[in-house]
Amino acid sequence: MTTPAHGLRSVCGYVGPPELRAAARSGTEGRSIRSAADVGTWVTDRGPAAGAEPFTCVVGLDGPLRLAPRRGEHVACAGGRKVLGAGGRNVLGAGGIAFDRVAGTWTVT
């Protein structure tokens, strides 16, 4: 993401159906990812099928990347809060934002 000329970061608010935003609340957000170890823990906690299940991601105003299974909406992954960016991936390691194991650690590509 580029910083606009005015020096402020762009903030994204939710623009979808109000009932989805109403269902999203603090405490239901995706897993906070602050390190490669956090990615490994998140994948392990999700079980053997984690690599094949699509996921949603957001970058919150508080800084961390948050990941959640694609069964939910970005607004749920963000806990109903505004974000710096949102996206998703069909499976781990398959284009777009991807997490891959390289030399025993997780990398983001």
N, C-alpha and C. Protein backbone atom coordinates (compact mmCIF):
# COMPACT_ATOMS: atom_id res chain seq x y z
N MET A 1 0.84 -1.17 0.00
CA MET A 1 0.00 0.00 0.00
C MET A 1 0.89 1.23 0.00
N THR A 2 0.54 2.21 -0.79
CA THR A 2 1.31 3.45 -0.82
C THR A 2 0.67 4.46 0.11
N THR A 3 1.50 5.36 0.62
CA THR A 3 1.00 6.42 1.49
C THR A 3 0.58 7.58 0.60
N PRO A 4 -0.63 8.11 0.76
CA PRO A 4 -1.07 9.25 -0.03
C PRO A 4 -0.15 10.45 0.19
N ALA A 5 -0.19 11.42 -0.72
CA ALA A 5 0.67 12.60 -0.66
C ALA A 5 0.52 13.36 0.66
N HIS A 6 -0.65 13.29 1.29
CA HIS A 6 -0.85 14.02 2.55
C HIS A 6 -0.19 13.32 3.73
N GLY A 7 0.42 12.13 3.51
CA GLY A 7 1.18 11.45 4.54
C GLY A 7 0.36 10.56 5.46
N LEU A 8 -0.93 10.54 5.31
CA LEU A 8 -1.79 9.70 6.15
C LEU A 8 -2.03 8.36 5.47
N ARG A 9 -2.18 7.33 6.27
CA ARG A 9 -2.51 6.02 5.72
C ARG A 9 -3.97 6.00 5.31
N SER A 10 -4.28 5.23 4.28
CA SER A 10 -5.67 5.06 3.87
C SER A 10 -6.35 4.08 4.81
N VAL A 11 -7.54 4.42 5.25
CA VAL A 11 -8.31 3.58 6.15
C VAL A 11 -9.56 3.12 5.41
N CYS A 12 -9.84 1.82 5.49
CA CYS A 12 -10.98 1.24 4.80
C CYS A 12 -12.07 0.89 5.80
N GLY A 13 -13.26 1.36 5.55
CA GLY A 13 -14.41 1.00 6.37
C GLY A 13 -15.24 -0.04 5.65
N TYR A 14 -16.14 -0.65 6.35
CA TYR A 14 -17.00 -1.69 5.79
C TYR A 14 -18.14 -1.05 4.99
N VAL A 15 -18.44 -1.59 3.79
CA VAL A 15 -19.48 -1.04 2.94
C VAL A 15 -20.54 -2.07 2.56
N GLY A 16 -20.53 -3.23 3.18
CA GLY A 16 -21.47 -4.30 2.83
C GLY A 16 -22.77 -4.24 3.60
N PRO A 17 -23.51 -5.34 3.58
CA PRO A 17 -24.81 -5.39 4.26
C PRO A 17 -24.68 -5.11 5.76
N PRO A 18 -25.55 -4.27 6.30
CA PRO A 18 -25.46 -3.89 7.71
C PRO A 18 -25.58 -5.07 8.68
N GLU A 19 -26.30 -6.11 8.28
CA GLU A 19 -26.46 -7.25 9.19
C GLU A 19 -25.15 -8.00 9.40
N LEU A 20 -24.26 -8.00 8.39
CA LEU A 20 -22.96 -8.64 8.55
C LEU A 20 -22.08 -7.83 9.51
N ARG A 21 -22.12 -6.51 9.38
CA ARG A 21 -21.34 -5.67 10.29
C ARG A 21 -21.87 -5.81 11.71
N ALA A 22 -23.18 -5.87 11.87
CA ALA A 22 -23.78 -6.00 13.20
C ALA A 22 -23.36 -7.31 13.87
N ALA A 23 -23.15 -8.36 13.07
CA ALA A 23 -22.75 -9.65 13.62
C ALA A 23 -21.26 -9.69 14.00
N ALA A 24 -20.48 -8.79 13.40
CA ALA A 24 -19.04 -8.74 13.70
C ALA A 24 -18.82 -7.86 14.91
N ARG A 25 -18.00 -8.34 15.83
CA ARG A 25 -17.72 -7.56 17.03
C ARG A 25 -16.35 -7.92 17.56
N SER A 26 -15.85 -7.09 18.42
CA SER A 26 -14.55 -7.34 19.03
C SER A 26 -14.59 -8.68 19.76
N GLY A 27 -13.53 -9.44 19.65
CA GLY A 27 -13.48 -10.76 20.26
C GLY A 27 -13.76 -11.87 19.26
N THR A 28 -14.27 -11.51 18.08
CA THR A 28 -14.54 -12.51 17.04
C THR A 28 -13.57 -12.38 15.89
N GLU A 29 -12.59 -11.48 16.01
CA GLU A 29 -11.68 -11.22 14.90
C GLU A 29 -10.76 -12.40 14.61
N GLY A 30 -10.11 -12.32 13.45
CA GLY A 30 -9.18 -13.36 13.05
C GLY A 30 -7.96 -13.40 13.95
N ARG A 31 -7.13 -14.41 13.75
CA ARG A 31 -5.92 -14.60 14.55
C ARG A 31 -4.90 -13.53 14.21
N SER A 32 -4.37 -12.88 15.21
CA SER A 32 -3.33 -11.87 15.05
C SER A 32 -2.01 -12.55 14.69
N ILE A 33 -1.41 -12.10 13.59
CA ILE A 33 -0.16 -12.67 13.11
C ILE A 33 0.91 -11.58 13.18
N ARG A 34 1.87 -11.78 14.07
CA ARG A 34 2.96 -10.81 14.23
C ARG A 34 4.33 -11.40 13.92
N SER A 35 4.37 -12.70 13.66
CA SER A 35 5.65 -13.35 13.39
C SER A 35 5.43 -14.61 12.56
N ALA A 36 6.53 -15.13 12.03
CA ALA A 36 6.46 -16.39 11.28
C ALA A 36 5.96 -17.52 12.18
N ALA A 37 6.35 -17.49 13.45
CA ALA A 37 5.88 -18.52 14.39
C ALA A 37 4.37 -18.47 14.55
N ASP A 38 3.79 -17.27 14.52
CA ASP A 38 2.33 -17.14 14.63
C ASP A 38 1.62 -17.82 13.47
N VAL A 39 2.20 -17.72 12.26
CA VAL A 39 1.60 -18.40 11.10
C VAL A 39 1.61 -19.90 11.33
N GLY A 40 2.73 -20.43 11.78
CA GLY A 40 2.84 -21.87 12.04
C GLY A 40 1.84 -22.34 13.07
N THR A 41 1.67 -21.57 14.13
CA THR A 41 0.70 -21.91 15.18
C THR A 41 -0.71 -21.88 14.63
N TRP A 42 -1.03 -20.86 13.84
CA TRP A 42 -2.37 -20.73 13.26
C TRP A 42 -2.68 -21.93 12.36
N VAL A 43 -1.73 -22.32 11.51
CA VAL A 43 -1.93 -23.47 10.61
C VAL A 43 -2.08 -24.75 11.43
N THR A 44 -1.22 -24.95 12.42
CA THR A 44 -1.28 -26.15 13.26
C THR A 44 -2.61 -26.23 14.01
N ASP A 45 -3.04 -25.12 14.57
CA ASP A 45 -4.31 -25.09 15.31
C ASP A 45 -5.50 -25.42 14.43
N ARG A 46 -5.43 -25.09 13.15
CA ARG A 46 -6.54 -25.34 12.23
C ARG A 46 -6.60 -26.79 11.77
N GLY A 47 -5.52 -27.54 11.93
CA GLY A 47 -5.54 -28.95 11.58
C GLY A 47 -5.00 -29.25 10.20
N PRO A 48 -5.02 -30.54 9.83
CA PRO A 48 -4.39 -31.01 8.60
C PRO A 48 -4.95 -30.39 7.32
N ALA A 49 -6.20 -30.00 7.29
CA ALA A 49 -6.80 -29.46 6.07
C ALA A 49 -6.56 -27.96 5.91
N ALA A 50 -5.82 -27.33 6.84
CA ALA A 50 -5.63 -25.89 6.82
C ALA A 50 -5.07 -25.37 5.50
N GLY A 51 -4.14 -26.11 4.91
CA GLY A 51 -3.53 -25.65 3.67
C GLY A 51 -4.45 -25.65 2.48
N ALA A 52 -5.54 -26.38 2.55
CA ALA A 52 -6.48 -26.46 1.43
C ALA A 52 -7.69 -25.56 1.60
N GLU A 53 -7.87 -24.98 2.79
CA GLU A 53 -9.05 -24.14 3.03
C GLU A 53 -8.74 -22.68 2.73
N PRO A 54 -9.61 -22.00 1.98
CA PRO A 54 -9.40 -20.58 1.71
C PRO A 54 -9.38 -19.76 3.01
N PHE A 55 -8.68 -18.63 2.99
CA PHE A 55 -8.65 -17.77 4.17
C PHE A 55 -8.82 -16.30 3.79
N THR A 56 -9.23 -15.53 4.76
CA THR A 56 -9.43 -14.09 4.66
C THR A 56 -8.35 -13.42 5.48
N CYS A 57 -7.90 -12.25 5.04
CA CYS A 57 -6.92 -11.51 5.82
C CYS A 57 -7.26 -10.03 5.85
N VAL A 58 -6.91 -9.39 6.93
CA VAL A 58 -7.03 -7.94 7.07
C VAL A 58 -5.79 -7.44 7.80
N VAL A 59 -5.47 -6.17 7.58
CA VAL A 59 -4.44 -5.50 8.36
C VAL A 59 -5.17 -4.42 9.14
N GLY A 60 -5.19 -4.60 10.46
CA GLY A 60 -5.93 -3.68 11.32
C GLY A 60 -5.19 -2.38 11.56
N LEU A 61 -5.91 -1.39 12.03
CA LEU A 61 -5.31 -0.10 12.36
C LEU A 61 -4.29 -0.24 13.48
N ASP A 62 -4.42 -1.30 14.27
CA ASP A 62 -3.46 -1.54 15.36
C ASP A 62 -2.19 -2.23 14.86
N GLY A 63 -2.13 -2.57 13.56
CA GLY A 63 -0.89 -3.06 12.97
C GLY A 63 -0.82 -4.50 12.52
N PRO A 64 -1.33 -5.46 13.28
CA PRO A 64 -1.09 -6.85 12.87
C PRO A 64 -1.95 -7.30 11.69
N LEU A 65 -1.40 -8.28 10.99
CA LEU A 65 -2.16 -9.03 10.00
C LEU A 65 -3.08 -9.94 10.79
N ARG A 66 -4.32 -10.08 10.37
CA ARG A 66 -5.26 -11.03 11.00
C ARG A 66 -5.73 -12.00 9.93
N LEU A 67 -5.75 -13.28 10.28
CA LEU A 67 -6.17 -14.34 9.37
C LEU A 67 -7.37 -15.08 9.95
N ALA A 68 -8.28 -15.47 9.08
CA ALA A 68 -9.45 -16.25 9.50
C ALA A 68 -9.87 -17.14 8.33
N PRO A 69 -10.49 -18.29 8.62
CA PRO A 69 -11.02 -19.13 7.54
C PRO A 69 -11.99 -18.31 6.68
N ARG A 70 -12.05 -18.59 5.41
CA ARG A 70 -12.85 -17.83 4.46
C ARG A 70 -14.35 -17.99 4.69
N ARG A 71 -14.75 -18.79 5.66
CA ARG A 71 -16.18 -18.97 5.95
C ARG A 71 -16.83 -17.67 6.40
N GLY A 72 -16.02 -16.72 6.86
CA GLY A 72 -16.54 -15.45 7.35
C GLY A 72 -16.21 -14.31 6.39
N GLU A 73 -16.65 -13.14 6.75
CA GLU A 73 -16.43 -11.94 5.97
C GLU A 73 -15.22 -11.17 6.50
N HIS A 74 -14.68 -10.28 5.68
CA HIS A 74 -13.57 -9.44 6.13
C HIS A 74 -13.92 -8.65 7.38
N VAL A 75 -15.15 -8.16 7.43
CA VAL A 75 -15.56 -7.36 8.59
C VAL A 75 -15.53 -8.20 9.87
N ALA A 76 -15.83 -9.49 9.76
CA ALA A 76 -15.75 -10.37 10.93
C ALA A 76 -14.28 -10.60 11.31
N CYS A 77 -13.42 -10.79 10.31
CA CYS A 77 -12.00 -10.98 10.56
C CYS A 77 -11.41 -9.75 11.26
N ALA A 78 -11.95 -8.57 10.97
CA ALA A 78 -11.50 -7.32 11.58
C ALA A 78 -12.20 -7.01 12.89
N GLY A 79 -13.11 -7.87 13.32
CA GLY A 79 -13.85 -7.61 14.55
C GLY A 79 -14.77 -6.40 14.44
N GLY A 80 -15.20 -6.08 13.20
CA GLY A 80 -16.10 -4.96 12.98
C GLY A 80 -15.40 -3.62 12.88
N ARG A 81 -14.08 -3.62 13.03
CA ARG A 81 -13.35 -2.34 13.00
C ARG A 81 -12.84 -2.00 11.60
N LYS A 82 -12.46 -0.74 11.40
CA LYS A 82 -11.86 -0.29 10.15
C LYS A 82 -10.48 -0.94 10.00
N VAL A 83 -10.01 -1.04 8.75
CA VAL A 83 -8.74 -1.69 8.46
C VAL A 83 -7.90 -0.85 7.50
N LEU A 84 -6.64 -1.20 7.40
CA LEU A 84 -5.75 -0.59 6.41
C LEU A 84 -5.84 -1.32 5.07
N GLY A 85 -6.23 -2.60 5.11
CA GLY A 85 -6.37 -3.38 3.90
C GLY A 85 -7.01 -4.72 4.19
N ALA A 86 -7.59 -5.32 3.15
CA ALA A 86 -8.26 -6.62 3.30
C ALA A 86 -8.05 -7.43 2.03
N GLY A 87 -8.04 -8.73 2.18
CA GLY A 87 -7.89 -9.60 1.03
C GLY A 87 -8.17 -11.04 1.41
N GLY A 88 -7.71 -11.93 0.59
CA GLY A 88 -7.93 -13.33 0.87
C GLY A 88 -7.12 -14.17 -0.09
N ARG A 89 -7.14 -15.44 0.14
CA ARG A 89 -6.39 -16.37 -0.69
C ARG A 89 -7.18 -17.66 -0.75
N ASN A 90 -7.12 -18.28 -1.89
CA ASN A 90 -7.84 -19.55 -2.03
C ASN A 90 -7.24 -20.63 -1.15
N VAL A 91 -5.94 -20.79 -1.17
CA VAL A 91 -5.26 -21.76 -0.31
C VAL A 91 -3.89 -21.22 0.04
N LEU A 92 -3.28 -21.75 1.10
CA LEU A 92 -1.93 -21.34 1.47
C LEU A 92 -0.96 -21.65 0.33
N GLY A 93 -0.11 -20.69 0.00
CA GLY A 93 0.93 -20.90 -1.00
C GLY A 93 0.45 -20.87 -2.45
N ALA A 94 -0.75 -20.33 -2.72
CA ALA A 94 -1.27 -20.37 -4.09
C ALA A 94 -1.54 -18.98 -4.65
N GLY A 95 -0.50 -18.21 -4.90
CA GLY A 95 -0.64 -16.89 -5.50
C GLY A 95 -1.17 -15.85 -4.53
N GLY A 96 -1.22 -14.59 -4.98
CA GLY A 96 -1.66 -13.50 -4.11
C GLY A 96 -0.80 -13.45 -2.87
N ILE A 97 -1.39 -13.20 -1.71
CA ILE A 97 -0.64 -13.31 -0.47
C ILE A 97 -0.50 -14.79 -0.18
N ALA A 98 0.72 -15.22 0.04
CA ALA A 98 0.97 -16.64 0.23
C ALA A 98 1.94 -16.87 1.38
N PHE A 99 1.72 -17.93 2.12
CA PHE A 99 2.58 -18.35 3.22
C PHE A 99 3.18 -19.68 2.83
N ASP A 100 4.49 -19.74 2.80
CA ASP A 100 5.18 -20.97 2.41
C ASP A 100 6.26 -21.31 3.44
N ARG A 101 6.50 -22.61 3.62
CA ARG A 101 7.60 -23.05 4.50
C ARG A 101 8.87 -23.10 3.66
N VAL A 102 9.88 -22.34 4.07
CA VAL A 102 11.16 -22.31 3.39
C VAL A 102 12.24 -22.47 4.45
N ALA A 103 13.06 -23.48 4.30
CA ALA A 103 14.16 -23.73 5.24
C ALA A 103 13.67 -23.77 6.69
N GLY A 104 12.52 -24.38 6.91
CA GLY A 104 12.01 -24.59 8.26
C GLY A 104 11.30 -23.41 8.89
N THR A 105 11.08 -22.33 8.14
CA THR A 105 10.34 -21.20 8.69
C THR A 105 9.30 -20.72 7.70
N TRP A 106 8.32 -19.97 8.18
CA TRP A 106 7.27 -19.44 7.32
C TRP A 106 7.74 -18.15 6.66
N THR A 107 7.47 -18.00 5.37
CA THR A 107 7.74 -16.77 4.66
C THR A 107 6.45 -16.26 4.02
N VAL A 108 6.36 -14.97 3.84
CA VAL A 108 5.20 -14.37 3.19
C VAL A 108 5.65 -13.87 1.83
N THR A 109 4.92 -14.27 0.78
CA THR A 109 5.23 -13.81 -0.57
C THR A 109 4.01 -13.19 -1.19
